[in-house]
């Protein structure tokens, strides 16, 4: 009878020792998109990106349509003003 009681107590202790935290280590990790590494207008040159950023912050930017990122807000503003060739 003592052996059965000891075995039951041991089973209870083992079940308390195994926690969900142990199972979490083996769970596959979700890979979230790194938004800090995301670069808007990835097809634009560095000069075009600098001009678009300067436009957004209110700094000096070149008012040449080819020096703006195609489809950016600054490009559209120049397009509407008639700046550049059509």
N, C-alpha and C. Protein backbone atom coordinates (compact mmCIF):
# COMPACT_ATOMS: atom_id res chain seq x y z
N UNK A 1 0.82 -1.19 0.00
CA UNK A 1 0.00 0.00 0.00
C UNK A 1 0.87 1.26 0.00
N UNK A 2 1.98 1.16 0.75
CA UNK A 2 2.87 2.32 0.79
C UNK A 2 3.46 2.60 -0.60
N UNK A 3 3.77 1.58 -1.34
CA UNK A 3 4.35 1.75 -2.67
C UNK A 3 3.36 2.43 -3.62
N UNK A 4 2.10 2.06 -3.49
CA UNK A 4 1.06 2.66 -4.32
C UNK A 4 0.89 4.14 -3.99
N UNK A 5 0.94 4.48 -2.71
CA UNK A 5 0.82 5.88 -2.29
C UNK A 5 2.02 6.70 -2.77
N UNK A 6 3.20 6.14 -2.66
CA UNK A 6 4.41 6.82 -3.12
C UNK A 6 4.35 7.02 -4.63
N UNK A 7 3.89 6.05 -5.37
CA UNK A 7 3.78 6.16 -6.82
C UNK A 7 2.76 7.22 -7.21
N UNK A 8 1.65 7.30 -6.49
CA UNK A 8 0.63 8.30 -6.78
C UNK A 8 1.14 9.70 -6.49
N UNK A 9 1.87 9.85 -5.39
CA UNK A 9 2.44 11.16 -5.05
C UNK A 9 3.50 11.56 -6.08
N UNK A 10 4.29 10.61 -6.52
CA UNK A 10 5.31 10.89 -7.53
C UNK A 10 4.66 11.32 -8.85
N UNK A 11 3.57 10.69 -9.23
CA UNK A 11 2.85 11.06 -10.45
C UNK A 11 2.29 12.47 -10.34
N UNK A 12 1.79 12.82 -9.17
CA UNK A 12 1.27 14.18 -8.97
C UNK A 12 2.39 15.22 -9.07
N UNK A 13 3.52 14.92 -8.48
CA UNK A 13 4.64 15.86 -8.53
C UNK A 13 5.17 16.03 -9.95
N UNK A 14 5.21 14.94 -10.71
CA UNK A 14 5.68 15.04 -12.09
C UNK A 14 4.71 15.86 -12.92
N UNK A 15 3.42 15.67 -12.70
CA UNK A 15 2.43 16.43 -13.47
C UNK A 15 2.47 17.92 -13.12
N UNK A 16 2.84 18.27 -11.88
CA UNK A 16 2.98 19.67 -11.50
C UNK A 16 4.25 20.29 -12.07
N UNK A 17 5.27 19.47 -12.25
CA UNK A 17 6.55 19.97 -12.75
C UNK A 17 6.48 20.28 -14.25
N UNK A 18 5.65 19.55 -14.98
CA UNK A 18 5.51 19.78 -16.41
C UNK A 18 4.48 20.88 -16.60
N UNK A 19 4.93 22.02 -17.07
CA UNK A 19 4.04 23.17 -17.20
C UNK A 19 3.91 23.54 -18.68
N UNK A 20 2.97 24.39 -19.01
CA UNK A 20 2.86 24.85 -20.39
C UNK A 20 4.10 25.63 -20.86
N UNK A 21 4.86 26.17 -19.91
CA UNK A 21 6.07 26.91 -20.30
C UNK A 21 7.07 25.98 -20.97
N UNK A 22 7.13 24.74 -20.56
CA UNK A 22 8.03 23.79 -21.21
C UNK A 22 7.56 23.47 -22.62
N UNK A 23 6.27 23.39 -22.79
CA UNK A 23 5.73 23.09 -24.11
C UNK A 23 5.92 24.28 -25.06
N UNK A 24 5.94 25.49 -24.52
CA UNK A 24 6.07 26.68 -25.34
C UNK A 24 7.42 26.73 -26.05
N UNK A 25 8.46 26.16 -25.43
CA UNK A 25 9.77 26.17 -26.07
C UNK A 25 9.76 25.39 -27.37
N UNK A 26 8.94 24.38 -27.46
CA UNK A 26 8.93 23.53 -28.64
C UNK A 26 7.88 23.96 -29.67
N UNK A 27 7.10 24.96 -29.32
CA UNK A 27 6.09 25.45 -30.23
C UNK A 27 6.78 26.26 -31.33
N UNK A 28 6.38 26.08 -32.60
CA UNK A 28 7.02 26.86 -33.66
C UNK A 28 6.73 28.35 -33.48
N UNK A 29 7.74 29.18 -33.73
CA UNK A 29 7.60 30.62 -33.57
C UNK A 29 6.90 31.24 -34.77
N UNK A 30 6.08 32.23 -34.49
CA UNK A 30 5.47 32.99 -35.56
C UNK A 30 6.47 34.06 -35.99
N UNK A 31 6.66 34.21 -37.25
CA UNK A 31 7.56 35.22 -37.75
C UNK A 31 6.74 36.43 -38.18
N UNK A 32 6.86 37.49 -37.42
CA UNK A 32 6.14 38.71 -37.74
C UNK A 32 6.98 39.57 -38.67
N UNK A 33 6.32 40.30 -39.48
CA UNK A 33 7.01 41.18 -40.42
C UNK A 33 7.71 42.29 -39.64
N UNK A 34 8.92 42.55 -39.99
CA UNK A 34 9.67 43.60 -39.33
C UNK A 34 9.36 44.92 -40.03
N UNK A 35 8.49 45.71 -39.41
CA UNK A 35 8.06 46.95 -40.04
C UNK A 35 9.13 48.02 -39.99
N UNK A 36 10.11 47.90 -39.08
CA UNK A 36 11.19 48.88 -39.05
C UNK A 36 12.09 48.72 -40.27
N UNK A 37 12.19 47.51 -40.76
CA UNK A 37 13.04 47.26 -41.91
C UNK A 37 12.32 47.56 -43.23
N UNK A 38 11.03 47.81 -43.15
CA UNK A 38 10.25 48.07 -44.35
C UNK A 38 10.66 49.41 -44.93
N UNK A 39 10.99 49.44 -46.18
CA UNK A 39 11.39 50.68 -46.85
C UNK A 39 10.34 51.03 -47.88
N UNK A 40 9.63 52.14 -47.69
CA UNK A 40 8.65 52.53 -48.70
C UNK A 40 9.35 52.90 -49.99
N UNK A 41 8.69 52.67 -51.09
CA UNK A 41 9.22 52.95 -52.42
C UNK A 41 10.55 52.22 -52.64
N UNK A 42 10.51 50.93 -52.50
CA UNK A 42 11.74 50.14 -52.60
C UNK A 42 12.34 50.20 -54.00
N UNK A 43 11.58 50.57 -55.00
CA UNK A 43 12.12 50.64 -56.36
C UNK A 43 12.71 52.02 -56.69
N UNK A 44 12.67 52.95 -55.74
CA UNK A 44 13.17 54.30 -55.98
C UNK A 44 14.65 54.40 -55.61
N UNK A 45 15.30 55.40 -56.18
CA UNK A 45 16.70 55.64 -55.83
C UNK A 45 16.78 56.34 -54.48
N UNK A 46 17.97 56.35 -53.92
CA UNK A 46 18.15 56.99 -52.62
C UNK A 46 17.85 58.49 -52.70
N UNK A 47 18.20 59.12 -53.80
CA UNK A 47 17.93 60.55 -53.98
C UNK A 47 16.43 60.82 -54.02
N UNK A 48 15.69 59.96 -54.69
CA UNK A 48 14.24 60.13 -54.75
C UNK A 48 13.62 59.94 -53.38
N UNK A 49 14.11 58.96 -52.62
CA UNK A 49 13.58 58.75 -51.26
C UNK A 49 13.87 59.96 -50.37
N UNK A 50 15.08 60.52 -50.48
CA UNK A 50 15.42 61.71 -49.68
C UNK A 50 14.52 62.88 -50.04
N UNK A 51 14.23 63.06 -51.32
CA UNK A 51 13.35 64.15 -51.74
C UNK A 51 11.94 63.95 -51.22
N UNK A 52 11.44 62.74 -51.25
CA UNK A 52 10.09 62.48 -50.74
C UNK A 52 10.02 62.71 -49.23
N UNK A 53 11.06 62.27 -48.52
CA UNK A 53 11.09 62.49 -47.07
C UNK A 53 11.19 63.98 -46.75
N UNK A 54 12.00 64.71 -47.51
CA UNK A 54 12.12 66.15 -47.29
C UNK A 54 10.78 66.84 -47.56
N UNK A 55 10.05 66.40 -48.56
CA UNK A 55 8.74 66.97 -48.85
C UNK A 55 7.78 66.74 -47.68
N UNK A 56 7.81 65.53 -47.13
CA UNK A 56 6.91 65.20 -46.02
C UNK A 56 7.24 65.99 -44.77
N UNK A 57 8.51 66.25 -44.52
CA UNK A 57 8.90 66.96 -43.30
C UNK A 57 8.93 68.47 -43.47
N UNK A 58 8.79 68.97 -44.69
CA UNK A 58 8.77 70.39 -44.91
C UNK A 58 10.14 70.99 -45.20
N UNK A 59 11.14 70.15 -45.39
CA UNK A 59 12.48 70.63 -45.72
C UNK A 59 12.56 70.94 -47.21
N UNK A 60 13.75 71.40 -47.63
CA UNK A 60 13.97 71.68 -49.05
C UNK A 60 13.97 70.38 -49.83
N UNK A 61 13.30 70.37 -50.95
CA UNK A 61 13.29 69.22 -51.85
C UNK A 61 13.34 69.72 -53.28
N UNK A 62 13.84 68.90 -54.16
CA UNK A 62 13.94 69.27 -55.56
C UNK A 62 12.57 69.22 -56.21
N UNK A 63 12.26 70.24 -56.95
CA UNK A 63 10.94 70.31 -57.59
C UNK A 63 10.99 69.84 -59.03
N UNK A 64 11.74 68.79 -59.24
CA UNK A 64 11.84 68.16 -60.55
C UNK A 64 11.09 66.84 -60.46
N UNK A 65 10.20 66.62 -61.39
CA UNK A 65 9.34 65.45 -61.28
C UNK A 65 10.11 64.13 -61.35
N UNK A 66 11.19 64.10 -62.14
CA UNK A 66 11.96 62.86 -62.24
C UNK A 66 12.76 62.56 -60.98
N UNK A 67 12.92 63.56 -60.11
CA UNK A 67 13.64 63.36 -58.86
C UNK A 67 12.71 63.00 -57.70
N UNK A 68 11.45 62.80 -58.00
CA UNK A 68 10.48 62.37 -56.99
C UNK A 68 10.12 60.91 -57.25
N UNK A 69 9.74 60.23 -56.21
CA UNK A 69 9.33 58.83 -56.33
C UNK A 69 7.98 58.78 -57.04
N UNK A 70 7.90 57.94 -58.07
CA UNK A 70 6.66 57.83 -58.84
C UNK A 70 5.53 57.37 -57.93
N UNK A 71 4.45 58.13 -57.91
CA UNK A 71 3.26 57.79 -57.13
C UNK A 71 3.28 58.33 -55.73
N UNK A 72 4.36 58.99 -55.30
CA UNK A 72 4.40 59.54 -53.96
C UNK A 72 3.56 60.81 -53.90
N UNK A 73 3.34 61.30 -52.70
CA UNK A 73 2.53 62.51 -52.54
C UNK A 73 3.19 63.70 -53.21
N UNK A 74 4.52 63.80 -53.08
CA UNK A 74 5.23 64.92 -53.71
C UNK A 74 5.14 64.83 -55.23
N UNK A 75 5.19 63.62 -55.77
CA UNK A 75 5.08 63.44 -57.21
C UNK A 75 3.71 63.91 -57.70
N UNK A 76 2.66 63.55 -56.95
CA UNK A 76 1.31 63.95 -57.34
C UNK A 76 1.12 65.47 -57.24
N UNK A 77 1.72 66.08 -56.22
CA UNK A 77 1.61 67.54 -56.09
C UNK A 77 2.27 68.22 -57.28
N UNK A 78 3.42 67.75 -57.70
CA UNK A 78 4.09 68.32 -58.87
C UNK A 78 3.28 68.04 -60.14
N UNK A 79 2.67 66.89 -60.20
CA UNK A 79 1.86 66.53 -61.36
C UNK A 79 0.66 67.47 -61.49
N UNK A 80 0.03 67.76 -60.38
CA UNK A 80 -1.14 68.64 -60.40
C UNK A 80 -0.79 70.09 -60.67
N UNK A 81 0.40 70.51 -60.26
CA UNK A 81 0.84 71.88 -60.51
C UNK A 81 1.33 72.07 -61.92
N UNK A 82 1.60 70.97 -62.61
CA UNK A 82 2.12 71.09 -63.97
C UNK A 82 3.63 71.17 -64.00
N UNK A 83 4.28 70.84 -62.91
CA UNK A 83 5.72 70.88 -62.88
C UNK A 83 6.28 69.66 -63.60
N UNK A 84 7.12 69.87 -64.57
CA UNK A 84 7.70 68.75 -65.30
C UNK A 84 6.96 68.50 -66.59
N UNK A 85 7.48 67.57 -67.36
CA UNK A 85 6.90 67.25 -68.68
C UNK A 85 5.71 66.32 -68.52
N UNK A 86 4.81 66.41 -69.44
CA UNK A 86 3.64 65.51 -69.43
C UNK A 86 3.63 64.64 -70.63
